[in-house]
Amino acid sequence: MRTHEVFNQAPPLVPFDTSRNPALIEGLHREGAGWAEPEVRELGVLAGAETAQEWGRFANDYPPVLHTHDRWGNRVDEVEFHPHWHDLMRVAVEHGLHGSPWLDDRPGAHTARAAKFFTWGAADAGHMCPISMTYAVIPALRHNPELAKRFEPLLGSRTYDFGLREPSTKAGLIAGMSMTEKQGGSDVRANTTTATPQPDGSYRIVGHKWFTSAPMSDMFLTLAQSPEGLSCFLLPRVLPDGTRNPIRIQRLKDKLGNKSNASSEIEYENATGWLVGTPGAGVKTIIEMVNMTRLDCVIGSATGMRMGAVQAVHHARHRAAFGANLVDQPAMRNVLADLVIESDAATTVMMRLAGATDRASTDEGEAALRRIALAVTKYWVCKRAPAHAAEALECLGGNGYAEESGMPRLYREAPLMSIWEGSGNVAALDALRAMGRQPETVEAFFAEVTRARGGDARLDDAIDRLGKELTDLADIEYRARRVVELMALVLQGAQLVRHGHPAVADAFCATRLGGDHGIAFGTLPVGVNTAAILERAYQ
């Protein structure tokens, strides 16, 4: 007997089509961006191809390296990336996943971009960070029309032009954000970085930032204390006269995951910046950027869930145990179907939020819905991602625990989206803050979910429970997570009842809203149409 003969192992999933996702394509058309389907499909084939998957692997296996000085002792503050990082960035920029939707007047431009972001993110999550920040910087930058006029076309350019040069001389720009400090974290009002006005209208920035991702970006939005209070500023890495802005990279963060992306601590040593927005209104100004990156947190989590579900189903279809393929074993079917349900729910609500982003500029109701639903969904979908990744990994057993499977990378990436732009409590409390300060957001939320009334009794009951929760203000901050979790589940349930596959909607309402569910994945009740649900994850 040949002891090294390989059998009963799942074949490689690569190549596969990351756009082959009914919830994604259905949402693309429903939210008014069906015109983008050919490009989404093209990007899906590209993302799941062996080439792009290898780009992602190399970019993570060989993470960025910081060079603070050159060989002669000159300060350079440069980060060196694996060449395939630039391949990933080039494709993302060429397909307009960064700032391009703001320059596209077609209806559904942001929905199309969300679908492409979801599809291409399956190649590598790390490089999507600077892509996301470039997308998010434009609405904030518009608070300074002069700066927006100069830089917006370059931030939306579909040319990836890496290198340290004066921004206006480049064919395309990438932007970043630098908010948090070591003593404050999410409490940005505790920032100590100072901004001193100069005679020429610029500001001299001095301070230390604790987390600045993608430090090789061409420019950054940052928060600093001006004489009027906390304000927002734009700092380029290269100044108009061609000299380097003294933004010193102290070190790169050694992170759990997101290895391909450089995250750093930086020091502003009398750096030069320009005011964006009203002096003293820095939080209000930069919150535009935060809200946009929250959408991308949801998209990133939904992408990870889809990849986990697809990998788990693929393995189970090709691996036999106890006389049958794993996918035909009842206990495993329960787990796999539960993973697909969670993935479908995340993708469906993600596309609804992208549609609201498209319509928010002309529809006050959609703007109000986006405000509350982004905070609510960011809290819950991103919170579910780590548990989903762990369960998907476990479906592969020991094979899933091995790096070659790709599942450990997926698992390490999953917690980031819940931390980025405000961890769980921040997102939950922000949802309560929106409801208190903008009552129209509550009206918009209930207007949205009540459109599904009558479609499922369990959803109707949950909407009623939510109404009672929101009228009881006693200990509301203590109950913040419980309230926001229910809001998120009701919103997902309403989308699935109206637009999802009937088997998925029924199982979601029975388990997430009706309580016929255990604590772990794989505790669906008897009678769920697992066959129909699992087909949605077949490649």
Protein backbone atom coordinates (compact mmCIF):
# COMPACT_ATOMS: atom_id res chain seq x y z
CA MET A 1 0.00 0.00 0.00
CA ARG A 2 1.27 3.45 -0.90
CA THR A 3 1.11 5.33 2.39
CA HIS A 4 1.54 8.75 0.81
CA GLU A 5 -1.38 8.51 -1.56
CA VAL A 6 -3.63 11.53 -0.93
CA PHE A 7 -7.34 10.84 -0.83
CA ASN A 8 -10.46 12.12 0.96
CA GLN A 9 -9.13 15.67 0.90
CA ALA A 10 -11.11 18.58 -0.52
CA PRO A 11 -9.61 19.92 -3.77
CA PRO A 12 -8.46 23.54 -3.84
CA LEU A 13 -11.32 26.00 -4.09
CA VAL A 14 -9.21 28.20 -6.35
CA PRO A 15 -10.21 29.33 -8.92
CA PHE A 16 -13.66 30.48 -7.88
CA ASP A 17 -15.96 33.43 -8.53
CA THR A 18 -16.37 35.71 -5.52
CA SER A 19 -19.33 37.45 -7.17
CA ARG A 20 -21.26 34.18 -7.39
CA ASN A 21 -23.45 35.20 -4.49
CA PRO A 22 -27.21 35.50 -4.96
CA ALA A 23 -27.66 37.94 -2.06
CA LEU A 24 -25.03 40.24 -3.56
CA ILE A 25 -26.29 40.26 -7.14
CA GLU A 26 -29.94 40.49 -6.12
CA GLY A 27 -29.10 43.46 -3.90
CA LEU A 28 -27.11 45.11 -6.69
CA HIS A 29 -30.18 45.17 -8.92
CA ARG A 30 -32.65 45.96 -6.15
CA GLU A 31 -30.69 49.03 -5.05
CA GLY A 32 -30.45 50.47 -8.54
CA ALA A 33 -26.97 49.45 -9.72
CA GLY A 34 -27.73 46.54 -12.01
CA TRP A 35 -25.73 48.34 -14.69
CA ALA A 36 -22.57 47.42 -12.74
CA GLU A 37 -23.11 43.66 -12.82
CA PRO A 38 -20.66 42.97 -15.70
CA GLU A 39 -17.82 44.71 -13.85
CA VAL A 40 -18.76 43.04 -10.54
CA ARG A 41 -18.70 39.66 -12.30
CA GLU A 42 -15.37 40.45 -13.94
CA LEU A 43 -13.88 41.45 -10.61
CA GLY A 44 -15.28 38.32 -8.96
CA VAL A 45 -13.48 36.04 -11.39
CA LEU A 46 -10.29 38.04 -10.96
CA ALA A 47 -10.45 38.01 -7.14
CA GLY A 48 -10.96 34.26 -6.93
CA ALA A 49 -8.27 33.43 -9.48
CA GLU A 50 -5.04 31.83 -8.37
CA THR A 51 -3.07 34.97 -9.25
CA ALA A 52 -4.99 37.34 -6.99
CA GLN A 53 -5.22 34.79 -4.19
CA GLU A 54 -1.44 34.44 -4.32
CA TRP A 55 -1.05 38.23 -4.27
CA GLY A 56 -3.01 38.28 -1.04
CA ARG A 57 -1.02 35.44 0.47
CA PHE A 58 2.35 37.00 -0.31
CA ALA A 59 1.29 40.44 0.92
CA ASN A 60 0.36 38.88 4.27
CA ASP A 61 3.26 36.44 4.56
CA TYR A 62 5.75 39.25 3.89
CA PRO A 63 4.32 42.24 5.76
CA PRO A 64 5.48 45.86 5.38
CA VAL A 65 8.85 46.96 6.72
CA LEU A 66 9.60 50.41 8.14
CA HIS A 67 12.75 52.30 7.12
CA THR A 68 13.12 55.37 9.31
CA HIS A 69 16.51 56.44 7.84
CA ASP A 70 18.46 55.91 4.66
CA ARG A 71 22.00 54.47 4.55
CA TRP A 72 23.52 57.91 5.15
CA GLY A 73 21.45 58.67 8.23
CA ASN A 74 18.85 60.91 6.62
CA ARG A 75 15.32 60.63 7.93
CA VAL A 76 13.12 59.03 5.24
CA ASP A 77 10.08 57.55 7.06
CA GLU A 78 9.31 55.06 4.31
CA VAL A 79 7.44 51.77 4.46
CA GLU A 80 8.42 49.04 2.01
CA PHE A 81 5.66 46.72 0.80
CA HIS A 82 5.77 43.40 -1.00
CA PRO A 83 5.31 44.06 -4.74
CA HIS A 84 2.00 42.20 -4.74
CA TRP A 85 0.57 44.80 -2.33
CA HIS A 86 0.87 47.25 -5.19
CA ASP A 87 -0.78 44.77 -7.57
CA LEU A 88 -3.75 44.55 -5.20
CA MET A 89 -3.93 48.33 -4.83
CA ARG A 90 -3.70 48.87 -8.58
CA VAL A 91 -6.69 46.63 -9.32
CA ALA A 92 -8.74 48.22 -6.54
CA VAL A 93 -8.04 51.73 -7.82
CA GLU A 94 -8.55 50.85 -11.49
CA HIS A 95 -12.00 49.48 -10.61
CA GLY A 96 -12.94 52.59 -8.63
CA LEU A 97 -13.19 51.03 -5.18
CA HIS A 98 -11.72 54.17 -3.61
CA GLY A 99 -12.98 57.71 -4.28
CA SER A 100 -14.45 57.24 -7.75
CA PRO A 101 -18.16 56.95 -6.76
CA TRP A 102 -18.16 60.57 -5.57
CA LEU A 103 -17.28 61.64 -9.13
CA ASP A 104 -19.82 59.32 -10.78
CA ASP A 105 -23.29 60.80 -11.33
CA ARG A 106 -24.90 57.49 -12.29
CA PRO A 107 -27.67 56.33 -9.94
CA GLY A 108 -26.38 53.52 -7.75
CA ALA A 109 -22.68 54.48 -7.93
CA HIS A 110 -22.11 53.80 -4.22
CA THR A 111 -24.05 50.53 -4.39
CA ALA A 112 -21.92 49.41 -7.32
CA ARG A 113 -18.81 50.34 -5.42
CA ALA A 114 -20.00 48.39 -2.34
CA ALA A 115 -20.53 45.27 -4.45
CA LYS A 116 -17.09 45.61 -5.99
CA PHE A 117 -15.49 46.28 -2.60
CA PHE A 118 -17.15 43.10 -1.28
CA THR A 119 -16.07 41.08 -4.29
CA TRP A 120 -12.44 42.21 -4.50
CA GLY A 121 -11.93 42.14 -0.72
CA ALA A 122 -11.87 38.35 -0.89
CA ALA A 123 -8.37 38.61 -2.37
CA ASP A 124 -6.95 40.48 0.62
CA ALA A 125 -8.52 42.51 3.40
CA GLY A 126 -5.51 44.59 4.41
CA HIS A 127 -5.16 46.76 1.34
CA MET A 128 -8.85 47.63 1.54
CA CYS A 129 -8.01 49.90 4.50
CA PRO A 130 -6.36 52.71 2.46
CA ILE A 131 -8.93 52.13 -0.28
CA SER A 132 -11.70 52.65 2.28
CA MET A 133 -10.13 55.75 3.80
CA THR A 134 -9.67 57.33 0.37
CA TYR A 135 -13.37 56.71 -0.30
CA ALA A 136 -14.34 58.21 3.04
CA VAL A 137 -12.13 61.30 2.97
CA ILE A 138 -13.97 63.07 0.13
CA PRO A 139 -17.22 64.03 1.92
CA ALA A 140 -15.17 65.35 4.85
CA LEU A 141 -12.77 67.24 2.58
CA ARG A 142 -15.71 69.04 0.98
CA HIS A 143 -15.93 71.13 4.14
CA ASN A 144 -13.02 73.03 2.59
CA PRO A 145 -14.16 73.70 -1.01
CA GLU A 146 -10.74 74.97 -2.08
CA LEU A 147 -8.95 71.81 -0.97
CA ALA A 148 -11.72 69.63 -2.39
CA LYS A 149 -11.43 71.35 -5.78
CA ARG A 150 -7.68 70.70 -5.85
CA PHE A 151 -7.61 67.11 -4.64
CA GLU A 152 -10.98 65.48 -5.24
CA PRO A 153 -10.32 64.63 -8.92
CA LEU A 154 -7.05 62.96 -7.92
CA LEU A 155 -8.62 61.09 -5.02
CA GLY A 156 -11.16 59.70 -7.48
CA SER A 157 -8.66 59.01 -10.26
CA ARG A 158 -8.47 55.41 -11.45
CA THR A 159 -4.68 55.56 -11.69
CA TYR A 160 -2.65 54.07 -8.86
CA ASP A 161 0.42 56.28 -8.56
CA PHE A 162 2.53 55.12 -5.61
CA GLY A 163 5.48 57.22 -4.49
CA LEU A 164 6.56 60.21 -2.44
CA ARG A 165 5.79 63.30 -4.52
CA GLU A 166 3.88 66.56 -4.16
CA PRO A 167 0.19 65.60 -4.47
CA SER A 168 -0.76 67.90 -7.33
CA THR A 169 1.99 66.36 -9.52
CA LYS A 170 0.62 62.83 -9.22
CA ALA A 171 -1.89 61.01 -11.42
CA GLY A 172 -3.85 59.67 -8.43
CA LEU A 173 -3.89 60.00 -4.66
CA ILE A 174 -4.50 57.79 -1.63
CA ALA A 175 -5.68 59.32 1.65
CA GLY A 176 -5.58 58.23 5.28
CA MET A 177 -6.93 59.28 8.66
CA SER A 178 -5.11 59.93 11.93
CA MET A 179 -7.39 60.49 14.91
CA THR A 180 -6.67 58.43 18.01
CA GLU A 181 -4.00 59.08 20.62
CA LYS A 182 -2.52 56.87 23.30
CA GLN A 183 -4.27 58.61 26.18
CA GLY A 184 -7.71 58.87 24.54
CA GLY A 185 -8.43 56.14 22.00
CA SER A 186 -12.05 56.57 20.94
CA ASP A 187 -12.36 59.60 23.24
CA VAL A 188 -10.83 61.92 20.65
CA ARG A 189 -11.78 65.00 22.69
CA ALA A 190 -8.93 63.98 24.99
CA ASN A 191 -6.44 64.57 22.16
CA THR A 192 -3.41 66.69 23.05
CA THR A 193 -2.01 67.31 19.55
CA THR A 194 -1.90 71.07 18.98
CA ALA A 195 -2.51 73.20 15.89
CA THR A 196 -1.07 76.73 15.90
CA PRO A 197 -2.26 79.17 13.20
CA GLN A 198 0.40 80.61 10.89
CA PRO A 199 0.39 83.95 9.02
CA ASP A 200 -0.07 82.21 5.65
CA GLY A 201 -3.30 80.50 6.75
CA SER A 202 -1.75 77.12 7.47
CA TYR A 203 -1.35 75.53 10.90
CA ARG A 204 1.69 74.12 12.67
CA ILE A 205 0.81 70.65 14.01
CA VAL A 206 2.64 69.08 16.97
CA GLY A 207 1.68 65.79 18.62
CA HIS A 208 1.72 62.00 18.64
CA LYS A 209 -0.88 59.72 17.05
CA TRP A 210 -1.34 56.18 18.34
CA PHE A 211 -2.91 54.58 15.24
CA THR A 212 -2.29 55.81 11.71
CA SER A 213 -2.98 53.14 9.15
CA ALA A 214 -1.48 53.24 5.68
CA PRO A 215 1.23 55.81 6.56
CA MET A 216 2.40 55.81 2.93
CA SER A 217 -0.79 57.59 1.88
CA ASP A 218 -0.35 60.92 0.14
CA MET A 219 -2.37 62.91 2.68
CA PHE A 220 -4.19 62.51 5.97
CA LEU A 221 -7.09 64.00 7.82
CA THR A 222 -6.16 64.52 11.45
CA LEU A 223 -7.60 66.02 14.61
CA ALA A 224 -5.74 68.61 16.66
CA GLN A 225 -6.51 71.25 19.28
CA SER A 226 -6.64 74.70 17.69
CA PRO A 227 -7.29 77.89 19.72
CA GLU A 228 -11.01 77.36 19.06
CA GLY A 229 -10.98 73.72 20.16
CA LEU A 230 -10.63 70.32 18.49
CA SER A 231 -10.45 70.87 14.73
CA CYS A 232 -9.86 68.86 11.57
CA PHE A 233 -6.83 69.35 9.32
CA LEU A 234 -5.43 68.02 6.05
CA LEU A 235 -1.74 67.13 6.10
CA PRO A 236 0.07 66.05 2.93
CA ARG A 237 3.25 64.00 3.19
CA VAL A 238 4.92 66.35 0.71
CA LEU A 239 4.38 70.11 0.95
CA PRO A 240 3.62 72.40 -2.02
CA ASP A 241 7.29 73.48 -2.20
CA GLY A 242 8.36 69.85 -2.61
CA THR A 243 9.83 69.41 0.86
CA ARG A 244 8.77 66.58 3.17
CA ASN A 245 6.21 67.37 5.81
CA PRO A 246 7.81 66.32 9.14
CA ILE A 247 5.48 63.39 9.84
CA ARG A 248 7.72 60.90 11.63
CA ILE A 249 6.84 57.20 11.68
CA GLN A 250 7.87 55.91 15.10
CA ARG A 251 7.05 52.23 14.55
CA LEU A 252 4.68 49.85 12.81
CA LYS A 253 2.10 48.04 14.91
CA ASP A 254 2.57 44.29 15.36
CA LYS A 255 -1.08 43.32 14.88
CA LEU A 256 -3.14 40.17 15.32
CA GLY A 257 -4.13 40.21 11.66
CA ASN A 258 -4.41 42.69 8.78
CA LYS A 259 -0.74 41.94 8.24
CA SER A 260 -0.46 43.25 4.69
CA ASN A 261 -1.48 46.74 5.79
CA ALA A 262 0.96 49.01 7.61
CA SER A 263 -0.46 50.56 10.78
CA SER A 264 1.80 52.95 12.63
CA GLU A 265 2.46 55.41 15.40
CA ILE A 266 3.46 58.80 14.06
CA GLU A 267 4.81 62.04 15.45
CA TYR A 268 4.03 65.48 14.05
CA GLU A 269 7.19 67.56 14.49
CA ASN A 270 5.91 70.99 13.53
CA ALA A 271 4.11 69.52 10.53
CA THR A 272 2.05 71.76 8.26
CA GLY A 273 -1.68 71.31 7.86
CA TRP A 274 -4.69 73.15 6.48
CA LEU A 275 -8.02 73.55 8.22
CA VAL A 276 -10.95 71.45 7.01
CA GLY A 277 -14.32 72.68 8.26
CA THR A 278 -15.11 75.15 11.00
CA PRO A 279 -12.50 75.72 13.74
CA GLY A 280 -13.51 73.82 16.84
CA ALA A 281 -15.85 71.51 14.91
CA GLY A 282 -13.33 68.79 14.17
CA VAL A 283 -15.44 65.89 15.36
CA LYS A 284 -18.45 67.05 13.38
CA THR A 285 -16.26 67.41 10.29
CA ILE A 286 -14.43 64.10 10.49
CA ILE A 287 -17.57 62.14 11.46
CA GLU A 288 -18.46 62.25 7.76
CA MET A 289 -15.40 60.11 7.16
CA VAL A 290 -16.14 57.83 10.10
CA ASN A 291 -19.66 57.12 8.84
CA MET A 292 -18.37 56.13 5.42
CA THR A 293 -15.72 53.82 6.84
CA ARG A 294 -18.41 52.22 9.01
CA LEU A 295 -20.14 51.13 5.84
CA ASP A 296 -16.89 49.52 4.75
CA CYS A 297 -16.56 47.78 8.13
CA VAL A 298 -19.92 46.14 7.44
CA ILE A 299 -18.86 45.24 3.91
CA GLY A 300 -15.57 43.79 5.15
CA SER A 301 -17.31 41.65 7.76
CA ALA A 302 -19.85 40.46 5.21
CA THR A 303 -17.02 39.55 2.83
CA GLY A 304 -15.30 37.50 5.54
CA MET A 305 -18.54 35.70 6.41
CA ARG A 306 -19.14 34.84 2.78
CA MET A 307 -15.61 33.50 2.37
CA GLY A 308 -15.91 31.45 5.56
CA ALA A 309 -19.26 29.96 4.55
CA VAL A 310 -18.09 29.14 1.02
CA GLN A 311 -14.87 27.52 2.24
CA ALA A 312 -16.73 25.46 4.84
CA VAL A 313 -19.39 24.26 2.39
CA HIS A 314 -16.76 23.47 -0.24
CA HIS A 315 -14.78 21.35 2.24
CA ALA A 316 -17.89 19.53 3.45
CA ARG A 317 -18.98 18.67 -0.09
CA HIS A 318 -15.68 16.91 -0.79
CA ARG A 319 -14.76 15.37 2.55
CA ALA A 320 -16.25 12.05 3.69
CA ALA A 321 -16.60 10.78 7.26
CA PHE A 322 -18.58 7.97 8.84
CA GLY A 323 -19.76 6.67 5.49
CA ALA A 324 -21.01 9.87 3.84
CA ASN A 325 -19.81 13.29 2.68
CA LEU A 326 -19.80 15.79 5.51
CA VAL A 327 -22.35 17.96 3.72
CA ASP A 328 -24.83 15.08 3.93
CA GLN A 329 -24.35 14.55 7.66
CA PRO A 330 -27.32 16.13 9.50
CA ALA A 331 -25.28 17.83 12.23
CA MET A 332 -22.91 19.37 9.70
CA ARG A 333 -25.76 20.51 7.45
CA ASN A 334 -27.17 22.36 10.44
CA VAL A 335 -23.89 24.18 11.04
CA LEU A 336 -23.28 25.00 7.40
CA ALA A 337 -26.81 26.28 6.81
CA ASP A 338 -26.54 28.49 9.89
CA LEU A 339 -23.30 30.00 8.55
CA VAL A 340 -24.94 30.71 5.20
CA ILE A 341 -27.95 32.33 6.88
CA GLU A 342 -25.67 34.71 8.80
CA SER A 343 -23.73 35.51 5.64
CA ASP A 344 -26.87 36.19 3.62
CA ALA A 345 -28.28 38.43 6.34
CA ALA A 346 -25.06 40.47 6.48
CA THR A 347 -24.83 40.84 2.71
CA THR A 348 -28.48 41.78 2.28
CA VAL A 349 -28.43 44.53 4.92
CA MET A 350 -25.05 45.74 3.60
CA MET A 351 -26.52 46.34 0.16
CA ARG A 352 -29.49 48.18 1.68
CA LEU A 353 -27.09 50.52 3.49
CA ALA A 354 -25.17 51.11 0.27
CA GLY A 355 -28.44 52.01 -1.44
CA ALA A 356 -29.24 54.45 1.37
CA THR A 357 -25.83 56.05 0.82
CA ASP A 358 -26.71 56.62 -2.83
CA ARG A 359 -30.03 58.24 -1.99
CA ALA A 360 -29.05 60.15 1.17
CA SER A 361 -28.08 63.35 -0.66
CA THR A 362 -31.57 63.84 -2.07
CA ASP A 363 -33.82 61.94 0.34
CA GLU A 364 -34.00 63.04 3.98
CA GLY A 365 -35.60 59.77 5.04
CA GLU A 366 -32.77 57.76 3.51
CA ALA A 367 -30.20 60.05 5.12
CA ALA A 368 -31.83 59.53 8.52
CA LEU A 369 -31.99 55.78 7.99
CA ARG A 370 -28.35 55.64 6.98
CA ARG A 371 -27.33 57.58 10.09
CA ILE A 372 -28.96 55.14 12.53
CA ALA A 373 -28.70 51.93 10.51
CA LEU A 374 -24.96 52.28 9.91
CA ALA A 375 -24.24 52.49 13.63
CA VAL A 376 -26.64 49.67 14.45
CA THR A 377 -25.42 47.35 11.71
CA LYS A 378 -21.77 48.15 12.26
CA TYR A 379 -22.20 47.07 15.87
CA TRP A 380 -23.93 43.77 15.17
CA VAL A 381 -22.57 42.46 11.86
CA CYS A 382 -18.99 43.20 12.86
CA LYS A 383 -19.60 41.62 16.26
CA ARG A 384 -20.82 38.40 14.61
CA ALA A 385 -17.84 38.06 12.28
CA PRO A 386 -15.30 36.53 14.72
CA ALA A 387 -17.70 33.84 15.93
CA HIS A 388 -18.64 33.09 12.33
CA ALA A 389 -14.98 32.80 11.29
CA ALA A 390 -14.24 30.46 14.21
CA GLU A 391 -17.13 28.16 13.32
CA ALA A 392 -16.24 28.13 9.62
CA LEU A 393 -12.64 27.25 10.49
CA GLU A 394 -13.82 24.44 12.73
CA CYS A 395 -15.78 22.92 9.84
CA LEU A 396 -12.42 22.11 8.25
CA GLY A 397 -11.13 20.52 11.46
CA GLY A 398 -7.37 20.39 11.80
CA ASN A 399 -7.03 21.34 8.14
CA GLY A 400 -8.70 24.65 8.96
CA TYR A 401 -6.24 25.32 11.78
CA ALA A 402 -3.32 25.03 9.35
CA GLU A 403 -2.15 28.25 7.70
CA GLU A 404 -2.24 26.73 4.21
CA SER A 405 -6.03 26.60 4.36
CA GLY A 406 -6.31 30.39 4.59
CA MET A 407 -8.79 30.06 7.44
CA PRO A 408 -6.41 31.31 10.18
CA ARG A 409 -5.91 34.51 8.18
CA LEU A 410 -9.66 34.90 7.91
CA TYR A 411 -10.02 34.27 11.65
CA ARG A 412 -7.33 36.81 12.61
CA GLU A 413 -8.89 39.42 10.36
CA ALA A 414 -12.41 39.06 11.74
CA PRO A 415 -12.12 41.07 14.99
CA LEU A 416 -10.73 44.16 13.29
CA MET A 417 -13.96 45.41 11.78
CA SER A 418 -15.60 45.51 15.21
CA ILE A 419 -12.72 47.60 16.57
CA TRP A 420 -12.12 49.91 13.61
CA GLU A 421 -13.96 53.25 13.80
CA GLY A 422 -15.36 52.58 17.25
CA SER A 423 -15.58 49.23 19.02
CA GLY A 424 -18.80 47.66 20.25
CA ASN A 425 -19.76 50.06 23.01
CA VAL A 426 -18.86 53.11 20.91
CA ALA A 427 -21.08 51.97 18.04
CA ALA A 428 -23.96 50.99 20.33
CA LEU A 429 -23.85 54.26 22.27
CA ASP A 430 -23.58 56.22 19.03
CA ALA A 431 -26.82 54.60 17.89
CA LEU A 432 -28.49 55.77 21.12
CA ARG A 433 -27.00 59.22 20.64
CA ALA A 434 -28.42 59.44 17.13
CA MET A 435 -31.86 58.52 18.39
CA GLY A 436 -31.70 61.11 21.16
CA ARG A 437 -30.38 63.98 19.06
CA GLN A 438 -32.11 63.17 15.78
CA PRO A 439 -35.56 61.68 16.49
CA GLU A 440 -36.17 61.49 12.76
CA THR A 441 -33.70 58.57 12.65
CA VAL A 442 -36.06 56.49 14.80
CA GLU A 443 -38.96 57.34 12.52
CA ALA A 444 -36.92 56.37 9.47
CA PHE A 445 -35.86 53.10 11.06
CA PHE A 446 -39.41 52.03 11.93
CA ALA A 447 -40.66 53.17 8.53
CA GLU A 448 -38.13 50.82 6.98
CA VAL A 449 -38.80 47.74 9.09
CA THR A 450 -42.58 48.10 9.12
CA ARG A 451 -42.58 47.72 5.34
CA ALA A 452 -42.07 44.03 6.09
CA ARG A 453 -45.01 43.76 8.51
CA GLY A 454 -47.30 40.89 7.76
CA GLY A 455 -44.55 38.88 6.09
CA ASP A 456 -43.63 36.89 9.20
CA ALA A 457 -45.34 36.86 12.60
CA ARG A 458 -42.03 36.46 14.43
CA LEU A 459 -40.70 39.61 12.79
CA ASP A 460 -43.90 41.46 13.69
CA ASP A 461 -43.49 40.43 17.33
CA ALA A 462 -39.86 41.55 17.33
CA ILE A 463 -40.80 44.97 15.94
CA ASP A 464 -43.33 45.31 18.75
CA ARG A 465 -40.72 44.30 21.35
CA LEU A 466 -38.32 46.83 19.95
CA GLY A 467 -40.91 49.58 20.21
CA LYS A 468 -41.35 48.80 23.92
CA GLU A 469 -37.58 48.71 24.48
CA LEU A 470 -37.19 52.18 22.98
CA THR A 471 -39.96 53.72 25.06
CA ASP A 472 -38.28 52.54 28.26
CA LEU A 473 -35.41 54.94 28.91
CA ALA A 474 -34.49 53.54 32.33
CA ASP A 475 -30.87 52.32 32.33
CA ILE A 476 -30.80 52.80 28.55
CA GLU A 477 -27.00 53.07 28.40
CA TYR A 478 -26.61 49.92 30.48
CA ARG A 479 -28.96 48.17 28.04
CA ALA A 480 -27.32 49.72 24.97
CA ARG A 481 -25.98 46.50 23.46
CA ARG A 482 -29.21 44.62 24.03
CA VAL A 483 -31.30 47.35 22.41
CA VAL A 484 -28.98 47.86 19.44
CA GLU A 485 -28.65 44.11 18.89
CA LEU A 486 -32.43 43.81 18.64
CA MET A 487 -32.54 46.76 16.24
CA ALA A 488 -29.93 45.12 14.02
CA LEU A 489 -31.73 41.77 14.00
CA VAL A 490 -35.06 43.40 13.21
CA LEU A 491 -33.48 45.35 10.35
CA GLN A 492 -31.85 42.20 8.95
CA GLY A 493 -35.05 40.23 9.36
CA ALA A 494 -37.09 42.89 7.58
CA GLN A 495 -34.69 42.88 4.63
CA LEU A 496 -34.75 39.09 4.37
CA VAL A 497 -38.53 38.84 4.66
CA ARG A 498 -38.95 41.37 1.87
CA HIS A 499 -36.06 40.42 -0.39
CA GLY A 500 -34.25 37.26 0.77
CA HIS A 501 -34.64 33.62 -0.16
CA PRO A 502 -37.78 32.29 1.60
CA ALA A 503 -35.87 29.47 3.30
CA VAL A 504 -33.24 31.90 4.61
CA ALA A 505 -35.84 34.41 5.79
CA ASP A 506 -37.89 31.71 7.54
CA ALA A 507 -34.87 30.25 9.32
CA PHE A 508 -33.58 33.69 10.31
CA CYS A 509 -36.90 34.74 11.81
CA ALA A 510 -37.33 31.42 13.61
CA THR A 511 -33.88 31.56 15.18
CA ARG A 512 -32.68 35.15 15.53
CA LEU A 513 -36.10 36.68 16.21
CA GLY A 514 -38.26 33.77 17.40
CA GLY A 515 -35.71 32.36 19.82
CA ASP A 516 -35.80 28.81 18.39
CA HIS A 517 -32.03 28.65 18.43
CA GLY A 518 -29.15 27.75 20.72
CA ILE A 519 -26.17 29.91 21.52
CA ALA A 520 -23.75 28.28 19.06
CA PHE A 521 -24.00 28.10 15.28
CA GLY A 522 -25.55 24.83 14.13
CA THR A 523 -28.58 24.89 16.41
CA LEU A 524 -31.25 25.49 13.77
CA PRO A 525 -34.65 23.92 14.49
CA VAL A 526 -35.95 20.84 12.71
CA GLY A 527 -37.73 21.61 9.45
CA VAL A 528 -35.34 24.25 8.07
CA ASN A 529 -34.82 23.85 4.31
CA THR A 530 -31.08 23.31 4.54
CA ALA A 531 -30.81 22.11 0.93
CA ALA A 532 -32.08 25.40 -0.48
CA ILE A 533 -29.91 27.41 1.91
CA LEU A 534 -26.69 25.49 1.21
CA GLU A 535 -27.09 25.88 -2.54
CA ARG A 536 -26.53 29.61 -2.04
CA ALA A 537 -22.91 28.92 -1.04
CA TYR A 538 -22.01 26.44 -3.79
CA GLN A 539 -19.17 27.37 -6.08
